[in-house]
Protein backbone atom coordinates (compact mmCIF):
# COMPACT_ATOMS: atom_id res chain seq x y z
CA UNK A 1 -0.15 -0.31 -0.11
CA UNK A 2 1.42 3.42 -0.68
CA UNK A 3 2.01 5.84 2.01
CA UNK A 4 -0.71 8.69 0.27
CA UNK A 5 -3.27 5.56 0.32
CA UNK A 6 -2.33 4.92 3.95
CA UNK A 7 -2.44 8.82 4.51
CA UNK A 8 -5.96 8.90 3.05
CA UNK A 9 -7.20 6.29 5.39
CA UNK A 10 -5.57 7.80 8.53
CA UNK A 11 -7.70 10.89 7.70
CA UNK A 12 -10.96 9.41 7.06
CA UNK A 13 -10.38 7.40 10.37
CA UNK A 14 -9.66 10.38 12.20
CA UNK A 15 -12.38 12.33 10.55
CA UNK A 16 -14.95 9.30 11.41
CA UNK A 17 -13.46 9.43 15.09
CA UNK A 18 -14.14 13.12 15.14
CA UNK A 19 -17.85 12.70 14.34
CA UNK A 20 -18.22 10.08 16.73
CA UNK A 21 -17.12 12.81 19.52
CA UNK A 22 -19.25 15.27 18.03
CA UNK A 23 -22.39 13.22 17.92
CA UNK A 24 -21.75 12.02 21.55
CA UNK A 25 -21.62 15.79 23.42
CA UNK A 26 -18.69 17.56 21.84
CA UNK A 27 -21.38 19.28 19.51
CA UNK A 28 -18.94 22.28 19.12
CA UNK A 29 -17.23 20.27 16.39
CA UNK A 30 -20.19 19.85 14.05
CA UNK A 31 -20.13 22.82 12.26
CA UNK A 32 -16.10 22.40 11.19
CA UNK A 33 -17.02 18.76 10.27
CA UNK A 34 -19.94 19.81 7.90
CA UNK A 35 -18.12 21.92 5.92
CA UNK A 36 -15.97 19.45 4.23
CA UNK A 37 -19.24 17.48 3.63
CA UNK A 38 -20.68 20.22 2.07
CA UNK A 39 -17.55 21.11 -0.38
CA UNK A 40 -17.27 17.63 -1.50
CA UNK A 41 -21.29 17.68 -2.29
CA UNK A 42 -20.85 21.58 -4.28
CA UNK A 43 -18.06 19.82 -6.66
CA UNK A 44 -20.02 16.50 -7.26
CA UNK A 45 -22.80 18.56 -8.32
CA UNK A 46 -20.72 20.83 -10.40
CA UNK A 47 -19.23 17.77 -12.19
CA UNK A 48 -22.61 16.01 -12.57
CA UNK A 49 -24.31 19.48 -13.69
CA UNK A 50 -21.57 19.42 -16.38
CA UNK A 51 -22.11 16.02 -17.53
CA UNK A 52 -25.65 16.63 -17.50
CA UNK A 53 -25.26 19.47 -19.96
CA UNK A 54 -22.71 17.84 -22.16
CA UNK A 55 -19.80 19.93 -21.41
CA UNK A 56 -16.59 17.25 -21.44
CA UNK A 57 -13.71 18.35 -18.97
CA UNK A 58 -10.85 20.61 -20.74
CA UNK A 59 -7.72 18.40 -21.38
CA UNK A 60 -4.94 20.03 -19.36
CA UNK A 61 -1.80 21.53 -21.65
CA UNK A 62 1.35 22.34 -20.83
CA UNK A 63 3.88 24.63 -22.34
CA UNK A 64 7.25 23.97 -22.52
CA UNK A 65 9.60 26.80 -21.39
CA UNK A 66 12.88 25.57 -21.67
CA UNK A 67 14.80 28.10 -23.37
CA UNK A 68 12.77 31.17 -22.39
CA UNK A 69 14.54 34.08 -21.02
CA UNK A 70 12.94 35.18 -17.77
CA UNK A 71 15.29 37.75 -17.13
CA UNK A 72 13.62 41.40 -16.81
CA UNK A 73 15.29 44.43 -16.46
CA UNK A 74 13.56 47.30 -14.86
CA UNK A 75 14.96 50.70 -15.62
CA UNK A 76 14.42 54.05 -14.39
CA UNK A 77 12.86 56.63 -16.96
CA UNK A 78 16.17 58.60 -15.86
CA UNK A 79 18.64 56.07 -16.29
CA UNK A 80 17.62 54.97 -19.90
CA UNK A 81 21.29 55.69 -20.70
CA UNK A 82 23.10 53.23 -18.50
CA UNK A 83 20.63 50.43 -19.16
CA UNK A 84 22.24 47.33 -20.37
CA UNK A 85 21.08 45.57 -23.70
CA UNK A 86 17.70 44.70 -23.99
CA UNK A 87 16.96 41.15 -23.55
CA UNK A 88 15.19 39.60 -26.49
CA UNK A 89 12.62 37.00 -25.87
CA UNK A 90 13.32 33.80 -27.13
CA UNK A 91 9.88 33.97 -29.39
CA UNK A 92 11.32 37.14 -30.70
CA UNK A 93 14.36 35.04 -31.98
CA UNK A 94 12.36 32.51 -33.88
CA UNK A 95 11.70 35.02 -37.00
CA UNK A 96 15.21 36.26 -37.26
CA UNK A 97 18.18 35.10 -39.53
CA UNK A 98 21.67 33.65 -38.23
CA UNK A 99 22.84 37.08 -38.26
CA UNK A 100 20.26 38.16 -35.59
CA UNK A 101 18.47 40.70 -37.83
CA UNK A 102 14.72 40.60 -38.98
CA UNK A 103 14.16 39.29 -42.23
CA UNK A 104 12.14 42.27 -43.29
């Protein structure tokens, strides 16, 4: 059994134990214990409603950020002469030839 399954079972057992305490006289726990149940019902209703209306879940898509330059230099308006050369994003380099100039 994986650690995550074991942790989920442990959390579920603690949750059930807290409900047993709440139903046996510790009624101050009831509002706190109802919140996860209400949230689970709201999520389940939303999933059911999407399927009922025929809305399919969107597939996750991730962009490969390899090679993207994240160095951004902020220059104050008065110090523009002291600024280093501008960093050209990777996307802008795609339409340049080997000399670094645009084909236009």
